[in-house]
Structure formats: C-alpha cells, structure tokens
C-alpha atoms as a PDB file:
ATOM      1  CA  MET A   1      77.135  93.621  48.205  1.00  0.00           C
ATOM      2  CA  ASN A   2      79.283  90.858  46.842  1.00  0.00           C
ATOM      3  CA  PHE A   3      81.411  89.042  49.637  1.00  0.00           C
ATOM      4  CA  LYS A   4      83.151  86.367  47.040  1.00  0.00           C
ATOM      5  CA  GLU A   5      86.322  87.966  48.569  1.00  0.00           C
ATOM      6  CA  LYS A   6      87.619  86.423  51.522  1.00  0.00           C
ATOM      7  CA  SER A   7      90.239  89.103  53.051  1.00  0.00           C
ATOM      8  CA  PHE A   8      89.436  91.981  55.032  1.00  0.00           C
ATOM      9  CA  ALA A   9      90.541  94.357  52.440  1.00  0.00           C
ATOM     10  CA  GLY A  10      88.405  93.046  49.795  1.00  0.00           C
ATOM     11  CA  ILE A  11      85.394  93.470  52.204  1.00  0.00           C
ATOM     12  CA  ALA A  12      86.403  96.824  53.287  1.00  0.00           C
ATOM     13  CA  ASN A  13      86.210  97.522  49.411  1.00  0.00           C
ATOM     14  CA  SER A  14      83.016  96.546  48.743  1.00  0.00           C
ATOM     15  CA  LEU A  15      81.693  98.061  51.666  1.00  0.00           C
ATOM     16  CA  ARG A  16      83.502 101.450  50.712  1.00  0.00           C
ATOM     17  CA  SER A  17      82.319 101.170  46.905  1.00  0.00           C
ATOM     18  CA  SER A  18      78.393 100.576  47.748  1.00  0.00           C
ATOM     19  CA  GLY A  19      78.740 103.932  49.757  1.00  0.00           C
ATOM     20  CA  MET A  20      79.589 102.834  53.662  1.00  0.00           C
ATOM     21  CA  THR A  21      82.084 105.436  55.471  1.00  0.00           C
ATOM     22  CA  LEU A  22      83.754 105.207  58.349  1.00  0.00           C
ATOM     23  CA  LYS A  23      83.550 108.266  60.947  1.00  0.00           C
ATOM     24  CA  PRO A  24      86.351 110.709  60.780  1.00  0.00           C
ATOM     25  CA  GLU A  25      88.304 110.828  63.929  1.00  0.00           C
ATOM     26  CA  ALA A  26      88.016 114.920  64.086  1.00  0.00           C
ATOM     27  CA  THR A  27      83.592 114.096  64.084  1.00  0.00           C
ATOM     28  CA  ARG A  28      84.101 111.887  67.486  1.00  0.00           C
ATOM     29  CA  LYS A  29      83.334 112.887  70.719  1.00  0.00           C
ATOM     30  CA  PRO A  30      86.543 112.732  73.110  1.00  0.00           C
ATOM     31  CA  ALA A  31      86.079 110.901  76.174  1.00  0.00           C
ATOM     32  CA  LYS A  32      85.444 112.461  79.190  1.00  0.00           C
ATOM     33  CA  LYS A  33      88.285 112.195  81.928  1.00  0.00           C
ATOM     34  CA  PRO A  34      87.297 111.393  85.468  1.00  0.00           C
ATOM     35  CA  VAL A  35      87.599 114.395  87.990  1.00  0.00           C
ATOM     36  CA  VAL A  36      89.142 114.146  91.452  1.00  0.00           C
ATOM     37  CA  GLY A  37      87.764 116.676  93.834  1.00  0.00           C
ATOM     38  CA  ALA A  38      90.355 118.792  94.949  1.00  0.00           C
ATOM     39  CA  SER A  39      87.844 121.257  96.961  1.00  0.00           C
ATOM     40  CA  THR A  40      88.621 122.100 101.029  1.00  0.00           C
ATOM     41  CA  LEU A  41      85.483 124.100 101.602  1.00  0.00           C
ATOM     42  CA  ASN A  42      83.008 121.256 100.845  1.00  0.00           C
ATOM     43  CA  SER A  43      83.548 118.202 103.985  1.00  0.00           C
ATOM     44  CA  HIS A  44      79.926 116.853 104.008  1.00  0.00           C
ATOM     45  CA  VAL A  45      81.960 113.290 102.876  1.00  0.00           C
ATOM     46  CA  LYS A  46      85.232 111.908 103.341  1.00  0.00           C
ATOM     47  CA  PHE A  47      87.639 109.741 100.735  1.00  0.00           C
ATOM     48  CA  VAL A  48      89.244 106.878 101.648  1.00  0.00           C
ATOM     49  CA  ASN A  49      92.671 106.777 101.744  1.00  0.00           C
ATOM     50  CA  THR A  50      94.327 103.962  99.445  1.00  0.00           C
ATOM     51  CA  VAL A  51      97.933 103.094  99.568  1.00  0.00           C
ATOM     52  CA  ARG A  52      99.839 101.603  96.285  1.00  0.00           C
ATOM     53  CA  ASN A  53     103.174  99.749  95.691  1.00  0.00           C
ATOM     54  CA  VAL A  54     106.000 101.075  94.183  1.00  0.00           C
ATOM     55  CA  ASP A  55     108.122  97.678  93.259  1.00  0.00           C
ATOM     56  CA  LEU A  56     111.579  97.929  92.637  1.00  0.00           C
ATOM     57  CA  PHE A  57     114.200  95.701  91.390  1.00  0.00           C
ATOM     58  CA  VAL A  58     117.516  96.775  93.789  1.00  0.00           C
ATOM     59  CA  SER A  59     120.560  94.817  92.015  1.00  0.00           C
ATOM     60  CA  ARG A  60     124.530  95.046  92.211  1.00  0.00           C
ATOM     61  CA  LEU A  61     124.661  95.370  96.029  1.00  0.00           C
ATOM     62  CA  TYR A  62     127.258  94.069  98.256  1.00  0.00           C
ATOM     63  CA  PRO A  63     126.349  90.572  99.189  1.00  0.00           C
ATOM     64  CA  ASP A  64     126.576  91.432 102.982  1.00  0.00           C
ATOM     65  CA  THR A  65     124.175  94.374 102.745  1.00  0.00           C
ATOM     66  CA  HIS A  66     121.005  94.389 104.937  1.00  0.00           C
ATOM     67  CA  THR A  67     117.387  95.166 104.655  1.00  0.00           C
ATOM     68  CA  ASN A  68     118.179  97.842 107.126  1.00  0.00           C
ATOM     69  CA  GLU A  69     120.716  99.575 105.287  1.00  0.00           C
ATOM     70  CA  LEU A  70     117.822  99.662 102.179  1.00  0.00           C
ATOM     71  CA  VAL A  71     115.034 100.954 104.135  1.00  0.00           C
ATOM     72  CA  ASP A  72     117.517 103.528 105.461  1.00  0.00           C
ATOM     73  CA  CYS A  73     118.001 104.267 101.840  1.00  0.00           C
ATOM     74  CA  VAL A  74     114.755 104.697 100.676  1.00  0.00           C
ATOM     75  CA  ASN A  75     114.049 107.134 103.754  1.00  0.00           C
ATOM     76  CA  SER A  76     116.610 108.924 103.325  1.00  0.00           C
ATOM     77  CA  MET A  77     115.713 109.976  99.499  1.00  0.00           C
ATOM     78  CA  LYS A  78     111.786 109.757  99.885  1.00  0.00           C
ATOM     79  CA  GLY A  79     112.274 113.385 100.676  1.00  0.00           C
ATOM     80  CA  ASP A  80     108.722 115.161 101.580  1.00  0.00           C
ATOM     81  CA  LEU A  81     106.966 112.140 100.115  1.00  0.00           C
ATOM     82  CA  GLN A  82     104.866 110.060 103.026  1.00  0.00           C
ATOM     83  CA  VAL A  83     105.964 106.441 102.730  1.00  0.00           C
ATOM     84  CA  HIS A  84     103.465 103.990 104.730  1.00  0.00           C
ATOM     85  CA  ASN A  85     105.747 101.181 104.551  1.00  0.00           C
ATOM     86  CA  VAL A  86     109.019  99.687 103.236  1.00  0.00           C
ATOM     87  CA  GLU A  87     109.626  95.942 102.556  1.00  0.00           C
ATOM     88  CA  CYS A  88     112.811  94.227 101.259  1.00  0.00           C
ATOM     89  CA  VAL A  89     112.890  90.475 100.428  1.00  0.00           C
ATOM     90  CA  LYS A  90     116.280  89.175  99.655  1.00  0.00           C
ATOM     91  CA  LEU A  91     116.144  87.684  96.123  1.00  0.00           C
ATOM     92  CA  LYS A  92     118.382  84.147  94.998  1.00  0.00           C
ATOM     93  CA  SER A  93     121.655  85.840  92.868  1.00  0.00           C
ATOM     94  CA  LYS A  94     123.016  83.860  90.262  1.00  0.00           C
ATOM     95  CA  PHE A  95     126.646  84.590  91.715  1.00  0.00           C
ATOM     96  CA  GLU A  96     125.696  85.289  95.584  1.00  0.00           C
ATOM     97  CA  SER A  97     129.123  85.904  96.189  1.00  0.00           C
ATOM     98  CA  LEU A  98     129.839  88.717  93.908  1.00  0.00           C
ATOM     99  CA  TYR A  99     126.425  90.180  94.469  1.00  0.00           C
ATOM    100  CA  SER A 100     123.184  90.808  96.214  1.00  0.00           C
ATOM    101  CA  SER A 101     119.735  91.980  94.495  1.00  0.00           C
ATOM    102  CA  TYR A 102     116.421  92.682  96.499  1.00  0.00           C
ATOM    103  CA  HIS A 103     112.721  93.198  95.689  1.00  0.00           C
ATOM    104  CA  VAL A 104     111.876  96.481  97.868  1.00  0.00           C
ATOM    105  CA  SER A 105     107.982  97.426  97.536  1.00  0.00           C
ATOM    106  CA  ILE A 106     107.205 100.840  98.790  1.00  0.00           C
ATOM    107  CA  LYS A 107     104.015 101.770 100.012  1.00  0.00           C
ATOM    108  CA  VAL A 108     102.505 105.346  99.338  1.00  0.00           C
ATOM    109  CA  ASN A 109      99.032 107.222  99.016  1.00  0.00           C
ATOM    110  CA  SER A 110      97.706 106.535  95.731  1.00  0.00           C
ATOM    111  CA  ILE A 111      97.245 110.215  94.870  1.00  0.00           C
ATOM    112  CA  HIS A 112     101.220 110.380  95.263  1.00  0.00           C
ATOM    113  CA  LEU A 113     102.130 107.129  93.290  1.00  0.00           C
ATOM    114  CA  HIS A 114     103.662 108.917  89.989  1.00  0.00           C
ATOM    115  CA  ASP A 115     105.661 110.905  92.173  1.00  0.00           C
ATOM    116  CA  ALA A 116     106.990 108.105  94.106  1.00  0.00           C
ATOM    117  CA  VAL A 117     107.830 106.468  91.216  1.00  0.00           C
ATOM    118  CA  GLU A 118     109.745 109.534  89.739  1.00  0.00           C
ATOM    119  CA  THR A 119     111.449 109.786  93.089  1.00  0.00           C
ATOM    120  CA  PHE A 120     112.317 106.473  93.148  1.00  0.00           C
ATOM    121  CA  MET A 121     113.625 105.739  89.908  1.00  0.00           C
ATOM    122  CA  SER A 122     115.792 108.848  89.530  1.00  0.00           C
ATOM    123  CA  ALA A 123     119.600 107.791  89.038  1.00  0.00           C
ATOM    124  CA  ASP A 124     120.296 110.839  91.233  1.00  0.00           C
ATOM    125  CA  ALA A 125     118.625 109.290  94.430  1.00  0.00           C
ATOM    126  CA  TRP A 126     120.191 105.929  94.388  1.00  0.00           C
ATOM    127  CA  PRO A 127     124.345 105.524  94.966  1.00  0.00           C
ATOM    128  CA  THR A 128     126.641 105.481  92.420  1.00  0.00           C
ATOM    129  CA  GLY A 129     126.637 101.658  90.522  1.00  0.00           C
ATOM    130  CA  ILE A 130     123.372 100.555  92.203  1.00  0.00           C
ATOM    131  CA  PHE A 131     121.305  99.087  89.555  1.00  0.00           C
ATOM    132  CA  VAL A 132     117.370  99.775  89.851  1.00  0.00           C
ATOM    133  CA  ASN A 133     114.490  98.577  87.594  1.00  0.00           C
ATOM    134  CA  ARG A 134     110.641  98.331  88.169  1.00  0.00           C
ATOM    135  CA  TYR A 135     109.888  94.855  89.612  1.00  0.00           C
ATOM    136  CA  PHE A 136     106.717  93.088  87.722  1.00  0.00           C
ATOM    137  CA  ARG A 137     105.420  90.328  89.928  1.00  0.00           C
ATOM    138  CA  ALA A 138     104.461  86.891  87.776  1.00  0.00           C
ATOM    139  CA  LYS A 139     101.093  87.000  86.374  1.00  0.00           C
ATOM    140  CA  ASN A 140     100.636  83.554  87.877  1.00  0.00           C
ATOM    141  CA  GLY A 141     101.394  84.148  91.232  1.00  0.00           C
ATOM    142  CA  THR A 142     104.474  82.834  91.702  1.00  0.00           C
ATOM    143  CA  GLN A 143     107.462  84.126  92.382  1.00  0.00           C
END
C-alpha cells in the first residue's frame, strides 16, 4: 500500500483499491436494548426506588411571586404523577422590579421521568404568559 497521500480520503481510496471494504450497516448486529422487569408474580428480589429531578427555569412571573405559589402550581398540575419534593430557588433577574425568575426542581421516580417532563413542559399546564424551559446546571458546579 502506498500512503504517500496524507489526506483521509486518499488513504481510504488506497485501502479500497487494495480490496478492503467496510461492513455494510445491514449486516451489523443491532445493539441489544436493556430489559426492565415488569412481573408482579416473581417477588424474590426487590428494586431500589430511585428518584430524578426535573429542573425547570420559570420566568415572567410577578416580582412579588413567592415560592409557595409555585409549589402549589406544580402540585395542581401534577395529576396522578407522584412528586416527592418541589424546591424553588429565586434567581437574580436583570430587571427585578419588572419580573422574577425561579429554578424549580421537581423530584420524581426515575421510571416516571419521561412522563414528568412531558407534564411539566406542557404549555397547557402553566398559566398564560409564564415562560418555562428546561434548566441546565453549569458543568463546573457554579450557579
């Protein structure tokens, strides 16, 4: 093989001309998906109940909005979803006299995380004019 050409395309063409081929996608084995048990008959072992947080950024609220009002709002929209804890932290707004913003952390069972995100990110769940988005923490740990 002649690797005088330094580009990836040149090396790939050299390998192809020497008879090397890539395995087609259709012949690759599909990755096996994990299984989550659902049997109610077998009760020899029990699973650990894990919880996850649904972190929301809630903004465009009146400046005098209290955390208790947000907790009540979350509890009224949860329906039959089991919520373990709701924490609200007021964030510093650019214009504090015009609006307030909060980081709302809702603790739910891990198996219901997808349903919780769909419930709490629904426009129909929140009052008119409230801005809601996912809240992502900084990777370096600072707020």
